Protein backbone atom coordinates (compact mmCIF):
# COMPACT_ATOMS: atom_id res chain seq x y z
CA MET A 1 -42.47 -16.71 62.56
CA LYS A 2 -38.91 -15.71 62.67
CA THR A 3 -37.18 -17.46 59.93
CA LEU A 4 -34.64 -19.84 61.57
CA ARG A 5 -31.35 -21.49 60.28
CA ALA A 6 -31.09 -25.17 60.48
CA LYS A 7 -27.60 -24.68 62.11
CA MET A 8 -27.86 -21.49 64.51
CA ASN A 9 -24.84 -19.92 66.08
CA PHE A 10 -24.24 -18.55 69.57
CA GLU A 11 -25.48 -15.23 68.74
CA GLU A 12 -28.48 -16.27 66.94
CA PHE A 13 -29.78 -18.51 69.51
CA ARG A 14 -29.03 -15.77 72.16
CA LYS A 15 -31.20 -13.29 70.23
CA LEU A 16 -34.13 -15.72 70.64
CA GLN A 17 -33.75 -15.71 74.63
CA THR A 18 -36.25 -13.83 76.86
CA ILE A 19 -35.73 -13.03 80.74
CA THR A 20 -38.12 -13.36 83.41
CA GLU A 21 -37.95 -13.11 87.40
CA ILE A 22 -39.02 -16.51 89.36
CA ASN A 23 -38.45 -16.68 93.37
CA LYS A 24 -36.33 -13.70 92.79
CA LEU A 25 -33.85 -15.13 90.26
CA LYS A 26 -33.36 -14.26 86.51
CA VAL A 27 -34.61 -16.99 84.48
CA SER A 28 -33.74 -16.95 80.87
CA TYR A 29 -35.40 -19.02 78.24
CA VAL A 30 -36.82 -19.26 74.75
CA ALA A 31 -40.58 -19.44 73.55
CA ILE A 32 -40.94 -20.15 69.79
CA GLY A 33 -43.00 -22.00 67.53
CA GLU A 34 -46.65 -22.99 67.16
CA GLY A 35 -48.63 -26.05 68.24
CA PRO A 36 -48.62 -28.24 71.41
CA SER A 37 -45.87 -27.12 73.91
CA VAL A 38 -42.81 -28.71 74.52
CA LEU A 39 -40.47 -28.28 77.39
CA LEU A 40 -36.68 -28.97 76.45
CA ILE A 41 -34.50 -29.21 79.29
CA HIS A 42 -30.57 -29.18 79.07
CA GLY A 43 -28.29 -30.74 81.45
CA ILE A 44 -24.45 -30.10 82.82
CA PRO A 45 -22.40 -28.26 81.71
CA VAL A 46 -24.57 -27.22 78.89
CA TRP A 47 -27.58 -24.55 78.77
CA GLY A 48 -30.35 -24.03 76.20
CA TYR A 49 -27.97 -23.75 73.37
CA LEU A 50 -28.22 -27.53 73.43
CA TRP A 51 -31.35 -27.65 71.53
CA LYS A 52 -30.22 -25.10 69.08
CA ASP A 53 -30.05 -27.20 66.14
CA THR A 54 -33.41 -28.85 66.73
CA ILE A 55 -35.49 -25.69 66.87
CA GLU A 56 -35.98 -25.15 63.32
CA LEU A 57 -37.77 -28.47 62.65
CA LEU A 58 -39.32 -28.81 65.85
CA SER A 59 -40.86 -25.22 66.00
CA LYS A 60 -42.85 -26.14 62.81
CA HIS A 61 -44.78 -28.58 64.97
CA PHE A 62 -44.81 -27.42 68.39
CA THR A 63 -44.50 -24.38 70.76
CA LEU A 64 -40.97 -24.75 72.21
CA ILE A 65 -40.26 -23.70 75.55
CA ILE A 66 -36.16 -23.83 76.07
CA PRO A 67 -35.26 -22.66 79.43
CA ASP A 68 -31.52 -22.23 81.09
CA LEU A 69 -31.77 -23.76 84.42
CA VAL A 70 -30.93 -21.34 87.39
CA GLY A 71 -27.27 -21.54 87.54
CA TYR A 72 -26.84 -22.26 83.83
CA GLY A 73 -26.46 -20.44 80.85
CA TYR A 74 -27.95 -16.55 81.17
CA SER A 75 -30.44 -17.46 84.08
CA ASP A 76 -29.13 -16.32 87.28
CA LYS A 77 -25.60 -17.13 88.23
CA ARG A 78 -25.12 -15.37 91.21
CA ASP A 79 -23.96 -17.47 94.30
CA CYS A 80 -25.84 -18.46 97.40
CA PHE A 81 -28.84 -20.07 95.99
CA ASP A 82 -29.93 -23.78 95.76
CA ARG A 83 -29.88 -25.29 92.40
CA SER A 84 -31.12 -28.70 93.59
CA ILE A 85 -33.44 -30.85 91.00
CA LYS A 86 -36.30 -30.05 93.06
CA VAL A 87 -35.65 -26.25 92.89
CA GLN A 88 -35.09 -26.37 89.24
CA SER A 89 -38.47 -28.14 88.91
CA ASP A 90 -40.14 -25.82 90.92
CA ILE A 91 -38.95 -22.94 88.99
CA LEU A 92 -39.92 -24.58 85.73
CA THR A 93 -43.42 -25.26 86.99
CA LYS A 94 -43.70 -21.39 87.92
CA LEU A 95 -42.40 -20.53 84.16
CA VAL A 96 -44.89 -22.80 82.60
CA ASP A 97 -47.63 -21.39 84.94
CA GLN A 98 -46.54 -17.90 84.14
CA LEU A 99 -46.77 -18.74 80.23
CA GLY A 100 -50.06 -20.21 80.71
CA ILE A 101 -49.42 -23.63 79.46
CA GLU A 102 -52.12 -26.26 80.93
CA GLU A 103 -50.84 -29.17 79.13
CA LEU A 104 -47.16 -30.18 77.61
CA PHE A 105 -44.66 -32.77 76.64
CA VAL A 106 -41.49 -32.77 78.41
CA VAL A 107 -37.96 -33.47 77.05
CA GLY A 108 -34.71 -33.98 79.53
CA HIS A 109 -31.20 -34.22 78.61
CA ASP A 110 -28.65 -35.41 81.03
CA ILE A 111 -29.31 -34.02 84.23
CA GLY A 112 -32.17 -32.20 82.48
CA GLY A 113 -33.49 -35.47 82.64
CA ALA A 114 -33.41 -35.52 86.33
CA VAL A 115 -35.53 -32.41 86.38
CA ALA A 116 -37.90 -33.79 84.07
CA GLN A 117 -38.43 -36.97 86.18
CA ARG A 118 -39.16 -34.43 89.03
CA PHE A 119 -41.06 -32.04 86.97
CA THR A 120 -43.21 -34.88 85.53
CA ILE A 121 -44.17 -36.09 89.03
CA ASP A 122 -44.79 -32.86 90.14
CA ASN A 123 -47.11 -32.02 87.26
CA GLN A 124 -48.71 -35.49 86.46
CA THR A 125 -52.11 -33.75 85.44
CA ARG A 126 -50.11 -31.43 83.11
CA VAL A 127 -47.42 -33.58 81.37
CA GLN A 128 -48.95 -35.72 78.81
CA LYS A 129 -45.66 -37.72 77.58
CA LEU A 130 -42.26 -38.07 79.00
CA VAL A 131 -38.85 -38.00 76.89
CA LEU A 132 -35.33 -38.75 78.65
CA MET A 133 -32.53 -38.74 76.34
CA ASP A 134 -28.95 -39.66 77.61
CA SER A 135 -30.37 -39.10 80.89
CA VAL A 136 -29.42 -39.60 84.64
CA LEU A 137 -31.18 -42.61 85.86
CA TYR A 138 -31.26 -44.08 89.26
CA ASP A 139 -27.92 -43.56 90.84
CA SER A 140 -25.88 -43.27 87.45
CA TRP A 141 -24.96 -39.66 88.46
CA PRO A 142 -23.04 -37.65 89.16
CA ALA A 143 -20.51 -38.69 86.56
CA ASP A 144 -16.67 -38.63 87.91
CA PRO A 145 -15.72 -35.41 86.23
CA MET A 146 -18.84 -33.81 87.81
CA VAL A 147 -17.81 -35.31 91.32
CA SER A 148 -14.44 -33.60 90.78
CA LEU A 149 -15.79 -30.33 89.33
CA GLY A 150 -18.26 -29.95 92.34
CA ASN A 151 -15.39 -29.50 94.88
CA PRO A 152 -15.46 -26.01 96.04
CA LYS A 153 -11.63 -25.86 95.88
CA GLN A 154 -12.02 -25.74 92.14
CA HIS A 155 -13.11 -22.10 92.51
CA TYR A 156 -9.47 -21.22 93.91
CA ARG A 157 -7.67 -23.67 91.40
CA ASN A 158 -9.03 -21.94 88.33
CA LYS A 159 -9.28 -18.30 87.27
CA GLY A 160 -11.23 -16.38 84.91
CA ASP A 161 -12.01 -18.45 81.94
CA GLU A 162 -9.24 -21.35 82.47
CA LEU A 163 -12.04 -23.69 83.70
CA ALA A 164 -14.12 -23.10 80.26
CA LYS A 165 -10.82 -23.67 78.40
CA LYS A 166 -10.45 -27.03 80.14
CA PHE A 167 -13.98 -27.89 79.00
CA ILE A 168 -13.60 -27.07 75.31
CA GLN A 169 -10.88 -29.29 75.33
CA ARG A 170 -12.66 -32.05 76.94
CA LEU A 171 -16.18 -31.80 75.76
CA PRO A 172 -15.54 -33.61 72.29
CA ALA A 173 -15.28 -36.65 74.19
CA GLY A 174 -18.83 -36.95 74.71
CA ILE A 175 -19.19 -36.72 70.62
CA PHE A 176 -18.75 -39.67 68.56
CA HIS A 177 -18.51 -37.37 65.28
CA LYS A 178 -15.67 -35.31 66.30
CA GLU A 179 -15.93 -33.05 63.32
CA ILE A 180 -19.24 -31.45 64.88
CA ALA A 181 -17.23 -30.32 67.84
CA THR A 182 -16.10 -27.31 65.75
CA PRO A 183 -14.11 -24.19 67.81
CA GLU A 184 -17.22 -22.15 67.37
CA MET A 185 -19.80 -24.52 68.52
CA LEU A 186 -17.63 -25.18 71.75
CA GLU A 187 -16.97 -21.48 72.35
CA GLY A 188 -20.63 -20.82 72.39
CA TRP A 189 -21.39 -23.95 74.37
CA MET A 190 -19.06 -22.43 77.19
CA LYS A 191 -19.52 -18.77 76.79
CA PRO A 192 -21.81 -18.09 79.84
CA TYR A 193 -19.10 -19.75 82.17
CA SER A 194 -16.02 -17.99 80.90
CA THR A 195 -16.35 -15.30 83.53
CA GLU A 196 -15.69 -15.37 87.08
CA GLU A 197 -19.26 -15.57 88.10
CA GLY A 198 -20.23 -18.14 85.30
CA LYS A 199 -16.77 -20.49 86.75
CA LEU A 200 -18.19 -20.56 90.29
CA SER A 201 -21.67 -20.91 89.16
CA LEU A 202 -20.87 -23.97 87.12
CA ILE A 203 -18.75 -25.50 90.04
CA ARG A 204 -21.88 -24.68 92.51
CA ASN A 205 -24.27 -26.75 90.03
CA ALA A 206 -22.10 -29.64 89.90
CA SER A 207 -21.83 -29.59 93.80
CA ALA A 208 -25.89 -29.42 93.90
CA LEU A 209 -26.13 -32.89 91.68
CA ASN A 210 -27.73 -35.47 94.35
CA THR A 211 -28.22 -39.24 93.29
CA ASN A 212 -31.05 -39.23 95.88
CA HIS A 213 -33.28 -36.90 93.84
CA THR A 214 -33.89 -39.46 91.35
CA MET A 215 -33.82 -42.62 93.47
CA GLU A 216 -36.53 -41.30 95.57
CA LEU A 217 -38.80 -41.19 92.09
CA MET A 218 -38.34 -44.65 91.26
CA GLU A 219 -41.39 -46.07 92.77
CA GLU A 220 -43.90 -43.40 91.55
CA LEU A 221 -42.14 -43.43 87.98
CA LYS A 222 -42.49 -47.38 87.91
CA GLN A 223 -46.37 -46.96 88.28
CA LEU A 224 -46.77 -43.50 86.04
CA LYS A 225 -48.69 -44.75 82.92
CA LYS A 226 -48.06 -41.98 80.97
CA PRO A 227 -46.18 -42.74 77.68
CA LYS A 228 -42.37 -42.51 78.25
CA LEU A 229 -39.54 -42.75 75.60
CA LEU A 230 -35.71 -43.39 76.17
CA ILE A 231 -33.52 -42.30 73.33
CA TRP A 232 -30.03 -42.97 73.81
CA GLY A 233 -26.53 -42.82 71.92
CA GLU A 234 -25.01 -46.28 71.93
CA LYS A 235 -21.56 -44.92 72.25
CA ASP A 236 -22.60 -42.73 75.59
CA GLN A 237 -19.63 -42.53 78.02
CA PHE A 238 -21.45 -40.65 80.49
CA GLN A 239 -24.56 -42.42 80.94
CA PRO A 240 -24.47 -46.09 80.13
CA ILE A 241 -27.01 -47.43 78.06
CA SER A 242 -27.39 -50.41 80.46
CA THR A 243 -29.20 -47.78 82.64
CA ALA A 244 -31.61 -47.09 80.10
CA GLU A 245 -32.11 -50.74 79.65
CA LYS A 246 -33.03 -51.33 82.96
CA PHE A 247 -35.48 -48.60 83.32
CA HIS A 248 -36.99 -49.68 79.96
CA GLN A 249 -37.66 -52.95 81.67
CA GLU A 250 -38.69 -51.88 85.10
CA VAL A 251 -40.86 -48.99 84.37
CA VAL A 252 -44.30 -49.20 82.72
CA ASN A 253 -45.18 -48.07 79.20
CA THR A 254 -41.40 -47.02 78.41
CA GLU A 255 -39.94 -47.54 75.01
CA LEU A 256 -36.34 -47.39 74.36
CA ILE A 257 -34.71 -46.28 71.08
CA LYS A 258 -30.93 -46.57 70.68
CA ILE A 259 -29.19 -44.50 68.01
CA PRO A 260 -26.05 -46.19 66.77
CA ASP A 261 -22.74 -44.17 66.24
CA SER A 262 -23.79 -41.78 68.56
CA ASP A 263 -22.61 -40.31 72.11
CA HIS A 264 -23.92 -38.20 74.78
CA PHE A 265 -24.75 -35.16 73.00
CA LEU A 266 -27.19 -36.40 70.72
CA PRO A 267 -29.08 -32.96 70.07
CA LEU A 268 -25.81 -31.48 68.84
CA GLU A 269 -24.85 -34.60 67.26
CA LYS A 270 -27.82 -35.71 65.40
CA PRO A 271 -30.31 -32.90 65.23
CA LYS A 272 -32.43 -33.90 62.49
CA GLU A 273 -32.87 -37.52 63.84
CA THR A 274 -33.51 -36.35 67.57
CA ALA A 275 -36.19 -33.71 66.15
CA GLU A 276 -37.75 -36.37 64.07
CA LEU A 277 -37.97 -38.94 66.73
CA LEU A 278 -39.78 -36.33 69.13
CA ILE A 279 -42.27 -35.33 66.32
CA GLN A 280 -43.25 -38.98 65.81
CA PHE A 281 -43.47 -39.66 69.83
CA PHE A 282 -45.55 -36.30 70.34
CA SER A 283 -47.61 -37.06 67.32
């Protein structure tokens, strides 16, 4: 297997990505490692790059599948297609089919957690365990900044890379240890959204966020006996830990692990601890 750096930059991550086509949409993903398959699903306004610092450790134990959701990263960002949670789950189901994966573990962060919940309900014989990390739950989403971002008028208020620059300024708010939010990391984070197409796609992604798509799953999730793990930054400003505590109480066979001195973007803030928790839970 290719030698990987523990701290990967934007260019190194991009070289790992492969392109396929599903439902006439371009889907970019990373497939790397050996062992049982793990699907790692990012949220908004990120892309597969969210997991870059966990790859070196996780790929020693698992085959990692790290997609860019459609509308995100280097997957299709053209206008005029559905980016809803249900569509994202369908695309990922077909990607897993393409890759010939019969069983897998699933991890979802932020709105990727909503996709993970939908995917797990849609693939109950295939998914063995589910991890939700600083995830949207119940009606905890979309967060206020995403509601504002989803206004179509944002497209006309921002030109070129203006929106990406605004996010580069704001994203450190979701990281407890601010020194991690280096200019290089933030620029790589927002690189796919720094063009006119990327800017509009990010706005369309935000407008597709619909709390009904998690609420409609709750009765099925409450009965789902598969092992489930919640991993949460105790300082999360975007997805309050109170929703994780409620889910922990109401949903059978669910464990909750709280990570002190951590905010929303755990895979970037504490990649080693994140990876070790996943290895332990999936072993």
